[in-house]
């Protein structure tokens, strides 16, 4: 009868090789699941003056829960995930009128691309 004896070093080495290290700053290591809601955001400087106003979308990531949701500015979301923005606008037609109006008013290339995708589908 054979008996096996493993040291802590053997167990640690076999465990550490089985772990897969991922760099979550690289886009191929994360994927958007859907946008949950949007909100108006006003950013202020240290004197309390509004310096920037925009809409933000709450993003849910695949494989992560509600505690890992993040806010994305509309312009970033429209550049990185235009299909998901269109899906969000279609899924919530009554609550996204303000968002569509904002995109039309800003009239940027990115927003116009999202609005064209919305009209095509």
N, C-alpha and C. Protein backbone atom coordinates (compact mmCIF):
# COMPACT_ATOMS: atom_id res chain seq x y z
N UNK A 1 0.84 -1.16 0.00
CA UNK A 1 0.00 0.00 0.00
C UNK A 1 0.89 1.25 0.00
N UNK A 2 0.57 2.18 -0.88
CA UNK A 2 1.35 3.40 -0.97
C UNK A 2 0.68 4.50 -0.16
N UNK A 3 1.48 5.28 0.47
CA UNK A 3 0.93 6.44 1.19
C UNK A 3 1.56 7.71 0.62
N UNK A 4 0.77 8.76 0.58
CA UNK A 4 1.24 10.03 0.04
C UNK A 4 1.39 11.03 1.16
N UNK A 5 2.45 11.77 1.08
CA UNK A 5 2.69 12.81 2.08
C UNK A 5 2.94 14.12 1.33
N UNK A 6 2.09 15.09 1.57
CA UNK A 6 2.22 16.39 0.93
C UNK A 6 2.65 17.43 1.95
N UNK A 7 3.56 18.26 1.55
CA UNK A 7 3.97 19.35 2.43
C UNK A 7 3.09 20.56 2.12
N UNK A 8 3.12 21.54 3.01
CA UNK A 8 2.36 22.78 2.78
C UNK A 8 2.84 23.47 1.50
N UNK A 9 4.13 23.37 1.22
CA UNK A 9 4.67 23.99 0.01
C UNK A 9 4.07 23.35 -1.24
N UNK A 10 3.91 22.02 -1.25
CA UNK A 10 3.32 21.35 -2.40
C UNK A 10 1.87 21.79 -2.61
N UNK A 11 1.13 21.88 -1.51
CA UNK A 11 -0.27 22.29 -1.59
C UNK A 11 -0.37 23.73 -2.08
N UNK A 12 0.47 24.60 -1.53
CA UNK A 12 0.45 26.01 -1.93
C UNK A 12 0.79 26.17 -3.41
N UNK A 13 1.82 25.47 -3.88
CA UNK A 13 2.21 25.58 -5.28
C UNK A 13 1.12 25.09 -6.21
N UNK A 14 0.49 23.96 -5.87
CA UNK A 14 -0.56 23.45 -6.75
C UNK A 14 -1.76 24.39 -6.73
N UNK A 15 -2.04 25.01 -5.60
CA UNK A 15 -3.15 25.95 -5.49
C UNK A 15 -2.86 27.24 -6.26
N UNK A 16 -1.66 27.76 -6.12
CA UNK A 16 -1.33 29.02 -6.76
C UNK A 16 -1.29 28.89 -8.28
N UNK A 17 -0.93 27.72 -8.80
CA UNK A 17 -0.94 27.55 -10.24
C UNK A 17 -2.36 27.41 -10.77
N UNK A 18 -3.29 27.00 -9.94
CA UNK A 18 -4.67 26.85 -10.40
C UNK A 18 -5.42 28.18 -10.41
N UNK A 19 -4.90 29.19 -9.69
CA UNK A 19 -5.55 30.50 -9.69
C UNK A 19 -5.24 31.24 -10.99
N UNK A 20 -6.24 31.86 -11.54
CA UNK A 20 -6.05 32.59 -12.77
C UNK A 20 -6.06 34.08 -12.43
N UNK A 21 -4.95 34.75 -12.71
CA UNK A 21 -4.85 36.16 -12.42
C UNK A 21 -5.40 36.95 -13.60
N UNK A 22 -6.30 37.89 -13.30
CA UNK A 22 -6.87 38.72 -14.35
C UNK A 22 -6.64 40.18 -14.03
N UNK A 23 -6.33 40.93 -15.05
CA UNK A 23 -6.18 42.36 -14.93
C UNK A 23 -7.52 42.99 -15.32
N UNK A 24 -8.28 43.45 -14.33
CA UNK A 24 -9.62 43.96 -14.60
C UNK A 24 -9.62 45.38 -15.15
N UNK A 25 -8.44 45.93 -15.41
CA UNK A 25 -8.39 47.22 -16.09
C UNK A 25 -8.43 47.03 -17.60
N UNK A 26 -8.24 45.79 -18.06
CA UNK A 26 -8.30 45.50 -19.49
C UNK A 26 -9.75 45.20 -19.90
N UNK A 27 -10.21 45.78 -21.00
CA UNK A 27 -11.60 45.60 -21.40
C UNK A 27 -12.01 44.16 -21.67
N UNK A 28 -11.08 43.31 -22.06
CA UNK A 28 -11.47 41.92 -22.36
C UNK A 28 -11.77 41.12 -21.09
N UNK A 29 -11.49 41.67 -19.92
CA UNK A 29 -11.72 40.95 -18.67
C UNK A 29 -12.98 41.40 -17.92
N UNK A 30 -13.76 42.26 -18.53
CA UNK A 30 -15.05 42.61 -17.93
C UNK A 30 -16.06 42.84 -19.04
N UNK A 31 -17.32 42.62 -18.73
CA UNK A 31 -18.37 42.77 -19.73
C UNK A 31 -19.61 43.33 -19.07
N UNK A 32 -20.21 44.29 -19.73
CA UNK A 32 -21.42 44.91 -19.22
C UNK A 32 -22.59 43.96 -19.37
N UNK A 33 -23.40 43.85 -18.34
CA UNK A 33 -24.62 43.05 -18.42
C UNK A 33 -25.78 43.92 -18.89
N UNK A 34 -26.07 45.00 -18.16
CA UNK A 34 -27.14 45.92 -18.55
C UNK A 34 -27.02 47.19 -17.71
N UNK A 35 -27.77 48.21 -18.12
CA UNK A 35 -27.88 49.45 -17.33
C UNK A 35 -29.17 49.39 -16.54
N UNK A 36 -29.09 49.74 -15.26
CA UNK A 36 -30.24 49.64 -14.36
C UNK A 36 -31.10 50.89 -14.37
N UNK A 37 -30.50 52.06 -14.25
CA UNK A 37 -31.25 53.31 -14.23
C UNK A 37 -30.29 54.46 -14.55
N UNK A 38 -30.85 55.65 -14.71
CA UNK A 38 -30.02 56.83 -14.96
C UNK A 38 -30.38 57.92 -13.96
N UNK A 39 -29.46 58.87 -13.80
CA UNK A 39 -29.68 60.00 -12.89
C UNK A 39 -28.89 61.20 -13.38
N UNK A 40 -29.35 62.38 -13.00
CA UNK A 40 -28.66 63.62 -13.33
C UNK A 40 -27.56 63.86 -12.30
N UNK A 41 -26.40 64.22 -12.76
CA UNK A 41 -25.26 64.40 -11.86
C UNK A 41 -24.64 65.77 -12.09
N UNK A 42 -24.47 66.52 -11.01
CA UNK A 42 -23.80 67.81 -11.07
C UNK A 42 -22.52 67.72 -10.26
N UNK A 43 -21.40 67.98 -10.90
CA UNK A 43 -20.11 67.95 -10.22
C UNK A 43 -19.72 69.37 -9.84
N UNK A 44 -19.29 69.53 -8.61
CA UNK A 44 -18.94 70.85 -8.09
C UNK A 44 -17.47 70.92 -7.73
N UNK A 45 -16.91 72.11 -7.82
CA UNK A 45 -15.52 72.30 -7.39
C UNK A 45 -15.49 72.52 -5.88
N UNK A 46 -14.32 72.79 -5.33
CA UNK A 46 -14.21 72.92 -3.87
C UNK A 46 -14.90 74.18 -3.33
N UNK A 47 -15.29 75.09 -4.20
CA UNK A 47 -16.02 76.29 -3.77
C UNK A 47 -17.53 76.11 -3.88
N UNK A 48 -17.94 74.96 -4.36
CA UNK A 48 -19.37 74.68 -4.47
C UNK A 48 -19.99 75.09 -5.79
N UNK A 49 -19.18 75.57 -6.74
CA UNK A 49 -19.69 75.97 -8.03
C UNK A 49 -19.80 74.75 -8.94
N UNK A 50 -20.92 74.64 -9.65
CA UNK A 50 -21.13 73.52 -10.57
C UNK A 50 -20.19 73.70 -11.77
N UNK A 51 -19.37 72.70 -12.00
CA UNK A 51 -18.41 72.75 -13.10
C UNK A 51 -18.81 71.86 -14.27
N UNK A 52 -19.64 70.86 -14.00
CA UNK A 52 -19.96 69.87 -15.03
C UNK A 52 -21.28 69.21 -14.65
N UNK A 53 -22.18 69.09 -15.61
CA UNK A 53 -23.45 68.41 -15.40
C UNK A 53 -23.66 67.39 -16.51
N UNK A 54 -24.13 66.22 -16.15
CA UNK A 54 -24.36 65.17 -17.14
C UNK A 54 -25.28 64.11 -16.55
N UNK A 55 -25.69 63.20 -17.39
CA UNK A 55 -26.42 62.03 -16.92
C UNK A 55 -25.43 60.91 -16.65
N UNK A 56 -25.76 60.09 -15.68
CA UNK A 56 -24.99 58.89 -15.39
C UNK A 56 -25.90 57.68 -15.45
N UNK A 57 -25.36 56.59 -15.94
CA UNK A 57 -26.08 55.32 -16.00
C UNK A 57 -25.46 54.37 -14.98
N UNK A 58 -26.31 53.65 -14.26
CA UNK A 58 -25.84 52.65 -13.30
C UNK A 58 -25.64 51.33 -14.04
N UNK A 59 -24.39 50.85 -14.08
CA UNK A 59 -24.02 49.67 -14.85
C UNK A 59 -23.94 48.43 -13.96
N UNK A 60 -24.53 47.34 -14.44
CA UNK A 60 -24.40 46.02 -13.81
C UNK A 60 -23.46 45.20 -14.68
N UNK A 61 -22.46 44.58 -14.07
CA UNK A 61 -21.44 43.83 -14.80
C UNK A 61 -21.73 42.34 -14.73
N UNK A 62 -21.47 41.63 -15.81
CA UNK A 62 -21.71 40.18 -15.86
C UNK A 62 -20.85 39.48 -14.82
N UNK A 63 -21.49 38.60 -14.07
CA UNK A 63 -20.78 37.84 -13.06
C UNK A 63 -20.63 38.57 -11.73
N UNK A 64 -21.20 39.76 -11.60
CA UNK A 64 -21.08 40.55 -10.37
C UNK A 64 -22.47 40.91 -9.86
N UNK A 65 -22.55 41.24 -8.60
CA UNK A 65 -23.81 41.58 -7.97
C UNK A 65 -24.05 43.08 -7.88
N UNK A 66 -25.13 43.41 -7.20
CA UNK A 66 -25.56 44.81 -7.06
C UNK A 66 -24.51 45.67 -6.35
N UNK A 67 -23.77 45.09 -5.42
CA UNK A 67 -22.76 45.84 -4.68
C UNK A 67 -21.59 46.28 -5.56
N UNK A 68 -21.45 45.66 -6.73
CA UNK A 68 -20.37 46.00 -7.64
C UNK A 68 -20.81 46.90 -8.80
N UNK A 69 -22.08 47.34 -8.78
CA UNK A 69 -22.56 48.25 -9.82
C UNK A 69 -21.77 49.55 -9.78
N UNK A 70 -21.57 50.14 -10.95
CA UNK A 70 -20.81 51.39 -11.04
C UNK A 70 -21.60 52.42 -11.84
N UNK A 71 -21.27 53.70 -11.61
CA UNK A 71 -21.86 54.79 -12.38
C UNK A 71 -20.97 55.09 -13.57
N UNK A 72 -21.58 55.28 -14.73
CA UNK A 72 -20.84 55.67 -15.93
C UNK A 72 -21.49 56.91 -16.50
N UNK A 73 -20.67 57.90 -16.83
CA UNK A 73 -21.22 59.09 -17.49
C UNK A 73 -21.78 58.68 -18.83
N UNK A 74 -22.83 59.35 -19.25
CA UNK A 74 -23.53 59.01 -20.49
C UNK A 74 -22.60 59.02 -21.70
N UNK A 75 -21.71 60.00 -21.77
CA UNK A 75 -20.82 60.05 -22.94
C UNK A 75 -19.87 58.85 -22.97
N UNK A 76 -19.39 58.40 -21.83
CA UNK A 76 -18.51 57.23 -21.76
C UNK A 76 -19.30 55.96 -22.11
N UNK A 77 -20.49 55.83 -21.54
CA UNK A 77 -21.33 54.67 -21.81
C UNK A 77 -21.68 54.60 -23.30
N UNK A 78 -21.96 55.75 -23.91
CA UNK A 78 -22.33 55.79 -25.33
C UNK A 78 -21.16 55.41 -26.22
N UNK A 79 -19.95 55.73 -25.81
CA UNK A 79 -18.77 55.36 -26.59
C UNK A 79 -18.42 53.89 -26.42
N UNK A 80 -18.43 53.42 -25.17
CA UNK A 80 -17.97 52.06 -24.87
C UNK A 80 -19.03 50.99 -25.14
N UNK A 81 -20.28 51.27 -24.85
CA UNK A 81 -21.34 50.27 -24.94
C UNK A 81 -22.59 50.84 -25.62
N UNK A 82 -22.50 51.31 -26.86
CA UNK A 82 -23.66 51.94 -27.50
C UNK A 82 -24.87 51.01 -27.62
N UNK A 83 -24.63 49.74 -27.87
CA UNK A 83 -25.74 48.79 -27.96
C UNK A 83 -26.50 48.65 -26.65
N UNK A 84 -25.78 48.68 -25.54
CA UNK A 84 -26.42 48.57 -24.23
C UNK A 84 -27.21 49.84 -23.91
N UNK A 85 -26.71 50.99 -24.34
CA UNK A 85 -27.45 52.25 -24.13
C UNK A 85 -28.76 52.21 -24.93
N UNK A 86 -28.68 51.74 -26.17
CA UNK A 86 -29.89 51.61 -26.99
C UNK A 86 -30.87 50.64 -26.34
N UNK A 87 -30.39 49.52 -25.84
CA UNK A 87 -31.26 48.55 -25.15
C UNK A 87 -31.94 49.17 -23.94
N UNK A 88 -31.18 49.96 -23.19
CA UNK A 88 -31.74 50.64 -22.01
C UNK A 88 -32.82 51.63 -22.43
N UNK A 89 -32.56 52.41 -23.47
CA UNK A 89 -33.55 53.39 -23.95
C UNK A 89 -34.81 52.70 -24.44
N UNK A 90 -34.66 51.57 -25.11
CA UNK A 90 -35.83 50.83 -25.61
C UNK A 90 -36.63 50.17 -24.49
N UNK A 91 -35.93 49.67 -23.49
CA UNK A 91 -36.60 48.97 -22.39
C UNK A 91 -37.35 49.92 -21.47
N UNK A 92 -36.96 51.19 -21.47
CA UNK A 92 -37.56 52.17 -20.56
C UNK A 92 -38.01 53.41 -21.33
N UNK A 93 -38.95 53.27 -22.29
CA UNK A 93 -39.30 54.41 -23.13
C UNK A 93 -39.93 55.58 -22.39
N UNK A 94 -40.71 55.31 -21.37
CA UNK A 94 -41.40 56.40 -20.68
C UNK A 94 -40.49 57.16 -19.71
N UNK A 95 -39.45 56.51 -19.22
CA UNK A 95 -38.58 57.17 -18.24
C UNK A 95 -37.30 57.72 -18.85
N UNK A 96 -37.09 57.49 -20.14
CA UNK A 96 -35.84 57.95 -20.76
C UNK A 96 -36.05 59.09 -21.75
N UNK A 97 -37.21 59.72 -21.73
CA UNK A 97 -37.46 60.85 -22.62
C UNK A 97 -36.46 61.97 -22.36
N UNK A 98 -36.19 62.26 -21.09
CA UNK A 98 -35.22 63.30 -20.72
C UNK A 98 -33.82 62.97 -21.24
N UNK A 99 -33.47 61.70 -21.18
CA UNK A 99 -32.16 61.25 -21.65
C UNK A 99 -32.03 61.44 -23.16
N UNK A 100 -33.06 61.06 -23.90
CA UNK A 100 -33.05 61.22 -25.35
C UNK A 100 -32.99 62.70 -25.72
N UNK A 101 -33.77 63.52 -25.05
CA UNK A 101 -33.76 64.97 -25.32
C UNK A 101 -32.38 65.57 -25.06
N UNK A 102 -31.73 65.13 -23.99
CA UNK A 102 -30.39 65.61 -23.66
C UNK A 102 -29.40 65.24 -24.77
N UNK A 103 -29.51 64.01 -25.26
CA UNK A 103 -28.61 63.55 -26.31
C UNK A 103 -28.83 64.34 -27.61
N UNK A 104 -30.09 64.62 -27.94
CA UNK A 104 -30.39 65.41 -29.14
C UNK A 104 -29.88 66.83 -28.98
N UNK A 105 -30.03 67.40 -27.80
CA UNK A 105 -29.60 68.77 -27.54
C UNK A 105 -28.08 68.91 -27.64
N UNK A 106 -27.35 67.94 -27.09
CA UNK A 106 -25.88 67.99 -27.12
C UNK A 106 -25.33 67.81 -28.53
N UNK A 107 -26.02 67.00 -29.35
CA UNK A 107 -25.70 66.84 -30.77
C UNK A 107 -24.23 66.50 -31.03
N UNK A 108 -23.70 65.53 -30.29
CA UNK A 108 -22.33 65.09 -30.54
C UNK A 108 -22.34 63.85 -31.44
N UNK A 109 -21.20 63.53 -32.00
CA UNK A 109 -21.08 62.38 -32.89
C UNK A 109 -21.47 61.09 -32.17
N UNK A 110 -21.01 60.96 -30.94
CA UNK A 110 -21.31 59.75 -30.16
C UNK A 110 -22.80 59.62 -29.89
N UNK A 111 -23.42 60.70 -29.43
CA UNK A 111 -24.86 60.65 -29.13
C UNK A 111 -25.68 60.43 -30.40
N UNK A 112 -25.28 61.08 -31.49
CA UNK A 112 -26.00 60.90 -32.75
C UNK A 112 -25.91 59.45 -33.22
N UNK A 113 -24.76 58.80 -32.99
CA UNK A 113 -24.61 57.39 -33.35
C UNK A 113 -25.57 56.51 -32.56
N UNK A 114 -25.72 56.78 -31.28
CA UNK A 114 -26.65 56.00 -30.45
C UNK A 114 -28.08 56.25 -30.90
N UNK A 115 -28.43 57.50 -31.18
CA UNK A 115 -29.79 57.82 -31.62
C UNK A 115 -30.09 57.19 -32.98
N UNK A 116 -29.10 57.11 -33.87
CA UNK A 116 -29.31 56.43 -35.15
C UNK A 116 -29.55 54.94 -34.95
N UNK A 117 -28.77 54.33 -34.06
CA UNK A 117 -29.00 52.92 -33.75
C UNK A 117 -30.38 52.69 -33.19
N UNK A 118 -30.85 53.61 -32.38
CA UNK A 118 -32.18 53.51 -31.78
C UNK A 118 -33.26 53.58 -32.85
N UNK A 119 -33.09 54.42 -33.85
CA UNK A 119 -34.07 54.54 -34.91
C UNK A 119 -34.06 53.35 -35.85
N UNK A 120 -32.88 52.73 -36.02
CA UNK A 120 -32.76 51.58 -36.92
C UNK A 120 -33.47 50.35 -36.39
N UNK A 121 -33.42 50.15 -35.09
CA UNK A 121 -33.96 48.92 -34.52
C UNK A 121 -35.44 49.00 -34.27
